[in-house]
Amino acid sequence: MISTKQLIYALAVEKTLHFKKAAEACNISQSALSTALNELEKQLGLQIFERDNKKVLITPVGRQVLDKARQVKTTLEELRQLADSQKEPLSFPITIGVIPTIGPYLLPRILPTLTRQYPKLKLQIIEDQSHVLVDMVRNGEIDTAILALPFATQGLLRFDFWEEDFYWVTQTDDPLANQEHITSTEFDQQALLLLKDGHCLKDHALAACKFSVTSQPFSVGATSLNTIMPMVAAGMGTTMVPEMALDQLVRPHPELRAVHLNESSPHRTIAFLVRPGYAALNSIERLMVLFKRTLEKP
């Protein structure tokens, strides 16, 4: 009889395309994983994977099997969530994905209140880029994700809990630094230092400024705002920082000044994303209310 573990092992190999890495992810030996998958293929009477010493390939019929395995895994997760939803509110495990341009600035403000109000909550945080987290929510690998919108989230439910604007950050001796507000036409577009392609914060900042393309003379392929801030402090350019990150990124640097971007707002919306079939939607709604109330506190 086909077991749930066999399907989970097969999905792990699909993700890693490597038997040893898949075994490590499943916390079993490579031989045990191989034996389980060989037995699965024998039970089905077909080959899911082609493997040799160098690579693993998925057969055409194997892709169909893995799609069905993913559906089974998601259904089992929804059964677990349904059972969890009948327990004491937020007293069960929840895995939340969060993008790097939100997590470091949101979580320190939220987690003390969250753990105090729901001490039985078993929370796991996974940090990754938006497109990865959206796929993980869709595939049932995580319960929910916190993203900055707009972003392509077709087929998922969204629970908005925060809206914010961007601030233009420059050195205090910049002639424009003393303004309370600034428009995107007033500063040098070519001097903007932004995250590398693939980070939605860059897309949101450009959209807020109404810039379609930008040339970055000091581009270093930064993946973190913490990398960009010393460059701005050194006079190598300016940058855009969301309101949520000002306390951590700008205020510790007396040589920097943040000026509100006076363009159509809000410049980005922060929301939970969840599958429509997620059985514990009431838990996400509770989290949304808690996050919103905590962020609104001065």
Protein backbone atom coordinates (compact mmCIF):
# COMPACT_ATOMS: atom_id res chain seq x y z
CA MET A 1 0.00 0.00 0.00
CA ILE A 2 1.31 3.44 -0.92
CA SER A 3 2.22 5.45 2.17
CA THR A 4 2.20 9.17 2.85
CA LYS A 5 5.91 9.03 3.66
CA GLN A 6 6.69 7.63 0.20
CA LEU A 7 4.88 10.57 -1.40
CA ILE A 8 6.69 13.08 0.83
CA TYR A 9 10.04 11.50 -0.04
CA ALA A 10 9.21 11.68 -3.76
CA LEU A 11 8.29 15.36 -3.45
CA ALA A 12 11.56 16.03 -1.62
CA VAL A 13 13.53 14.48 -4.49
CA GLU A 14 11.52 16.55 -6.97
CA LYS A 15 12.48 19.70 -5.06
CA THR A 16 16.19 18.94 -4.69
CA LEU A 17 16.80 16.65 -7.71
CA HIS A 18 19.29 14.97 -5.42
CA PHE A 19 18.70 11.82 -3.35
CA LYS A 20 21.21 12.66 -0.61
CA LYS A 21 19.86 16.20 -0.14
CA ALA A 22 16.29 14.92 -0.17
CA ALA A 23 17.16 12.31 2.47
CA GLU A 24 18.76 14.99 4.65
CA ALA A 25 15.66 17.19 4.29
CA CYS A 26 13.48 14.25 5.37
CA ASN A 27 15.83 13.31 8.24
CA ILE A 28 16.36 9.76 7.00
CA SER A 29 19.26 7.87 5.46
CA GLN A 30 19.76 7.95 1.71
CA SER A 31 19.39 4.18 1.51
CA ALA A 32 16.05 4.31 3.35
CA LEU A 33 14.77 6.99 0.99
CA SER A 34 15.92 5.06 -2.09
CA THR A 35 14.30 1.87 -0.81
CA ALA A 36 11.01 3.68 -0.14
CA LEU A 37 10.96 5.23 -3.62
CA ASN A 38 11.91 1.98 -5.33
CA GLU A 39 9.00 0.33 -3.53
CA LEU A 40 6.68 3.20 -4.58
CA GLU A 41 7.65 2.78 -8.23
CA LYS A 42 7.19 -0.99 -7.92
CA GLN A 43 3.73 -0.55 -6.41
CA LEU A 44 2.70 1.88 -9.16
CA GLY A 45 4.32 -0.14 -11.92
CA LEU A 46 6.05 2.89 -13.42
CA GLN A 47 9.25 4.89 -13.17
CA ILE A 48 9.08 8.31 -11.49
CA PHE A 49 12.78 9.19 -11.55
CA GLU A 50 15.70 8.48 -13.85
CA ARG A 51 18.88 8.49 -11.79
CA ASP A 52 22.57 7.89 -12.25
CA ASN A 53 25.67 8.96 -10.33
CA LYS A 54 25.48 12.53 -11.60
CA LYS A 55 21.87 13.64 -11.87
CA VAL A 56 18.20 12.89 -11.23
CA LEU A 57 15.57 13.43 -13.92
CA ILE A 58 11.79 13.26 -13.60
CA THR A 59 10.03 11.12 -16.19
CA PRO A 60 6.94 12.52 -17.98
CA VAL A 61 4.62 10.12 -16.16
CA GLY A 62 6.58 10.84 -12.99
CA ARG A 63 5.54 14.50 -13.19
CA GLN A 64 1.91 13.42 -13.24
CA VAL A 65 2.48 11.21 -10.21
CA LEU A 66 4.19 14.04 -8.34
CA ASP A 67 1.33 16.44 -9.12
CA LYS A 68 -1.09 13.92 -7.60
CA ALA A 69 1.26 13.41 -4.63
CA ARG A 70 1.27 17.16 -4.03
CA GLN A 71 -2.54 17.20 -4.03
CA VAL A 72 -2.62 14.36 -1.50
CA LYS A 73 -0.10 16.15 0.74
CA THR A 74 -2.09 19.38 0.58
CA THR A 75 -5.33 17.56 1.42
CA LEU A 76 -3.70 15.90 4.43
CA GLU A 77 -2.40 19.28 5.57
CA GLU A 78 -5.89 20.73 5.30
CA LEU A 79 -7.21 17.89 7.46
CA ARG A 80 -4.59 18.73 10.08
CA GLN A 81 -5.49 22.40 9.86
CA LEU A 82 -9.18 21.57 10.27
CA ALA A 83 -8.39 19.66 13.46
CA ASP A 84 -6.13 22.47 14.68
CA SER A 85 -8.82 25.06 14.05
CA GLN A 86 -11.02 23.37 16.66
CA LYS A 87 -8.38 23.76 19.36
CA GLU A 88 -7.65 26.76 21.54
CA PRO A 89 -6.92 29.75 19.24
CA LEU A 90 -3.34 29.78 17.93
CA SER A 91 -2.22 26.89 20.12
CA PHE A 92 -0.89 24.75 17.27
CA PRO A 93 2.05 24.89 14.82
CA ILE A 94 1.94 27.56 12.11
CA THR A 95 4.64 28.16 9.50
CA ILE A 96 4.82 31.71 8.17
CA GLY A 97 6.92 32.82 5.22
CA VAL A 98 8.18 36.39 5.18
CA ILE A 99 10.25 38.34 2.67
CA PRO A 100 13.66 39.80 3.71
CA THR A 101 12.50 43.40 3.26
CA ILE A 102 9.74 42.92 5.82
CA GLY A 103 10.90 40.30 8.33
CA PRO A 104 13.74 42.18 10.08
CA TYR A 105 11.57 45.27 10.60
CA LEU A 106 8.17 43.72 11.29
CA LEU A 107 9.00 40.73 13.49
CA PRO A 108 10.79 42.61 16.33
CA ARG A 109 7.68 44.74 16.75
CA ILE A 110 5.19 41.89 16.52
CA LEU A 111 6.71 38.83 18.17
CA PRO A 112 6.74 40.07 21.81
CA THR A 113 2.99 40.79 21.65
CA LEU A 114 2.27 37.60 19.73
CA THR A 115 4.10 35.30 22.13
CA ARG A 116 2.63 37.07 25.14
CA GLN A 117 -0.95 36.83 23.87
CA TYR A 118 -0.65 33.30 22.43
CA PRO A 119 2.03 31.50 24.50
CA LYS A 120 1.06 28.05 23.16
CA LEU A 121 1.64 29.02 19.53
CA LYS A 122 4.40 26.99 17.87
CA LEU A 123 5.64 29.42 15.25
CA GLN A 124 8.14 28.70 12.49
CA ILE A 125 9.44 31.53 10.31
CA ILE A 126 10.84 30.97 6.81
CA GLU A 127 12.47 33.88 4.96
CA ASP A 128 12.65 33.93 1.16
CA GLN A 129 11.75 35.99 -1.88
CA SER A 130 8.13 36.65 -2.82
CA HIS A 131 7.81 34.24 -5.75
CA VAL A 132 9.28 31.38 -3.70
CA LEU A 133 6.90 31.97 -0.80
CA VAL A 134 3.86 32.24 -3.08
CA ASP A 135 4.71 28.84 -4.57
CA MET A 136 5.21 27.38 -1.09
CA VAL A 137 1.78 28.59 0.01
CA ARG A 138 0.16 27.18 -3.12
CA ASN A 139 1.93 23.82 -2.66
CA GLY A 140 1.03 23.57 1.03
CA GLU A 141 4.67 23.76 2.16
CA ILE A 142 3.87 26.68 4.48
CA ASP A 143 0.61 27.85 6.03
CA THR A 144 0.78 31.51 5.05
CA ALA A 145 3.16 34.17 3.78
CA ILE A 146 3.61 37.86 4.56
CA LEU A 147 4.25 39.78 1.35
CA ALA A 148 4.38 43.34 0.11
CA LEU A 149 1.79 44.05 -2.56
CA PRO A 150 1.20 44.56 -5.41
CA PHE A 151 2.50 41.14 -6.44
CA ALA A 152 1.04 38.34 -8.56
CA THR A 153 -0.99 36.23 -6.10
CA GLN A 154 -3.71 34.75 -8.30
CA GLY A 155 -5.66 31.97 -6.65
CA LEU A 156 -4.72 32.97 -3.09
CA LEU A 157 -6.66 34.86 -0.45
CA ARG A 158 -5.12 38.05 0.95
CA PHE A 159 -5.57 39.66 4.34
CA ASP A 160 -4.20 43.21 4.29
CA PHE A 161 -3.00 44.57 7.62
CA TRP A 162 -0.65 47.49 6.87
CA GLU A 163 -0.08 50.25 4.33
CA GLU A 164 2.97 52.45 4.16
CA ASP A 165 4.94 54.94 2.07
CA PHE A 166 8.57 55.14 0.99
CA TYR A 167 11.12 57.67 2.20
CA TRP A 168 14.00 59.01 0.14
CA VAL A 169 17.24 58.70 2.13
CA THR A 170 20.24 60.91 1.54
CA GLN A 171 23.07 62.58 3.47
CA THR A 172 22.15 65.45 5.78
CA ASP A 173 24.28 67.90 3.77
CA ASP A 174 22.29 67.22 0.60
CA PRO A 175 20.53 70.47 -0.48
CA LEU A 176 17.22 68.56 -0.60
CA ALA A 177 17.61 66.89 2.81
CA ASN A 178 15.80 69.60 4.77
CA GLN A 179 12.55 69.22 2.86
CA GLU A 180 9.61 67.57 4.61
CA HIS A 181 8.39 65.98 1.37
CA ILE A 182 9.95 65.32 -2.02
CA THR A 183 8.67 64.17 -5.41
CA SER A 184 10.47 61.80 -7.73
CA THR A 185 11.16 64.63 -10.18
CA GLU A 186 13.25 66.55 -7.65
CA PHE A 187 16.09 64.09 -7.04
CA ASP A 188 18.56 62.38 -9.34
CA GLN A 189 17.16 59.08 -10.57
CA GLN A 190 20.60 57.90 -11.64
CA ALA A 191 21.91 58.17 -8.07
CA LEU A 192 19.38 55.73 -6.63
CA LEU A 193 20.86 52.61 -5.04
CA LEU A 194 18.30 49.81 -4.97
CA LEU A 195 18.23 46.08 -4.38
CA LYS A 196 19.04 43.76 -7.24
CA ASP A 197 16.41 42.46 -9.65
CA GLY A 198 14.07 39.89 -8.15
CA HIS A 199 13.35 41.82 -4.96
CA CYS A 200 9.85 43.28 -4.97
CA LEU A 201 11.02 46.23 -2.85
CA LYS A 202 12.93 47.49 -5.89
CA ASP A 203 9.84 47.15 -8.10
CA HIS A 204 7.65 48.89 -5.52
CA ALA A 205 10.12 51.75 -5.08
CA LEU A 206 10.40 52.30 -8.82
CA ALA A 207 6.62 52.16 -9.19
CA ALA A 208 6.14 54.66 -6.37
CA CYS A 209 8.59 57.01 -8.11
CA LYS A 210 6.94 56.33 -11.47
CA PHE A 211 10.29 55.14 -12.83
CA SER A 212 10.10 52.29 -15.32
CA VAL A 213 13.86 51.71 -15.66
CA THR A 214 16.74 52.97 -13.58
CA SER A 215 20.49 52.99 -14.13
CA GLN A 216 22.51 52.31 -10.99
CA PRO A 217 26.14 53.39 -11.31
CA PHE A 218 27.03 51.83 -7.94
CA SER A 219 25.06 48.61 -8.31
CA VAL A 220 26.58 45.83 -6.22
CA GLY A 221 23.74 43.33 -6.53
CA ALA A 222 22.69 44.02 -2.93
CA THR A 223 20.14 41.70 -1.40
CA SER A 224 19.76 43.66 1.83
CA LEU A 225 18.99 47.26 2.73
CA ASN A 226 21.65 46.92 5.43
CA THR A 227 24.22 46.65 2.63
CA ILE A 228 22.98 49.79 0.88
CA MET A 229 22.81 52.11 3.91
CA PRO A 230 26.62 52.42 4.44
CA MET A 231 26.96 53.27 0.74
CA VAL A 232 24.45 56.10 1.13
CA ALA A 233 26.20 57.25 4.30
CA ALA A 234 29.46 57.35 2.32
CA GLY A 235 27.91 59.62 -0.32
CA MET A 236 27.78 56.98 -3.06
CA GLY A 237 24.12 57.66 -3.83
CA THR A 238 20.64 57.78 -2.32
CA THR A 239 18.02 55.11 -1.71
CA MET A 240 14.38 54.37 -0.90
CA VAL A 241 13.36 52.91 2.47
CA PRO A 242 9.84 51.84 3.53
CA GLU A 243 8.41 53.52 6.61
CA MET A 244 8.53 50.26 8.60
CA ALA A 245 12.35 50.14 8.32
CA LEU A 246 13.20 53.74 9.23
CA ASP A 247 13.91 53.10 12.92
CA GLN A 248 16.43 50.37 12.23
CA LEU A 249 18.05 51.68 9.05
CA VAL A 250 18.10 55.48 9.18
CA ARG A 251 17.76 56.80 12.72
CA PRO A 252 20.99 55.14 13.98
CA HIS A 253 22.90 57.16 11.33
CA PRO A 254 23.03 60.87 12.23
CA GLU A 255 24.62 61.58 8.84
CA LEU A 256 21.47 60.43 7.04
CA ARG A 257 18.09 62.10 6.53
CA ALA A 258 14.82 60.51 5.40
CA VAL A 259 12.38 62.61 3.37
CA HIS A 260 8.83 61.44 2.71
CA LEU A 261 8.18 60.55 -0.93
CA ASN A 262 5.26 62.74 -1.96
CA GLU A 263 3.75 60.50 -4.62
CA SER A 264 0.40 58.71 -4.81
CA SER A 265 0.15 56.51 -1.73
CA PRO A 266 0.15 54.01 -0.15
CA HIS A 267 3.32 52.88 -1.88
CA ARG A 268 3.01 49.29 -0.71
CA THR A 269 0.53 47.12 1.19
CA ILE A 270 1.55 44.34 3.59
CA ALA A 271 -0.70 41.28 3.69
CA PHE A 272 -1.04 37.64 4.67
CA LEU A 273 -1.53 35.25 1.75
CA VAL A 274 -3.23 31.91 2.24
CA ARG A 275 -4.78 29.11 0.19
CA PRO A 276 -8.58 29.30 -0.22
CA GLY A 277 -8.85 25.76 1.20
CA TYR A 278 -6.82 26.54 4.31
CA ALA A 279 -8.94 25.22 7.17
CA ALA A 280 -7.63 27.54 9.89
CA LEU A 281 -8.57 30.83 8.22
CA ASN A 282 -9.86 32.12 11.55
CA SER A 283 -6.29 31.88 12.87
CA ILE A 284 -4.97 34.03 10.01
CA GLU A 285 -7.72 36.55 10.74
CA ARG A 286 -6.63 36.64 14.40
CA LEU A 287 -3.03 37.21 13.34
CA MET A 288 -4.10 39.97 10.96
CA VAL A 289 -5.96 41.81 13.73
CA LEU A 290 -3.06 41.44 16.17
CA PHE A 291 -0.50 42.64 13.61
CA LYS A 292 -2.64 45.62 12.65
CA ARG A 293 -3.27 46.74 16.23
CA THR A 294 0.38 46.33 17.22
CA LEU A 295 1.66 48.32 14.23
CA GLU A 296 -0.84 51.11 14.83
CA LYS A 297 0.48 51.71 18.34
CA PRO A 298 2.78 54.75 18.50
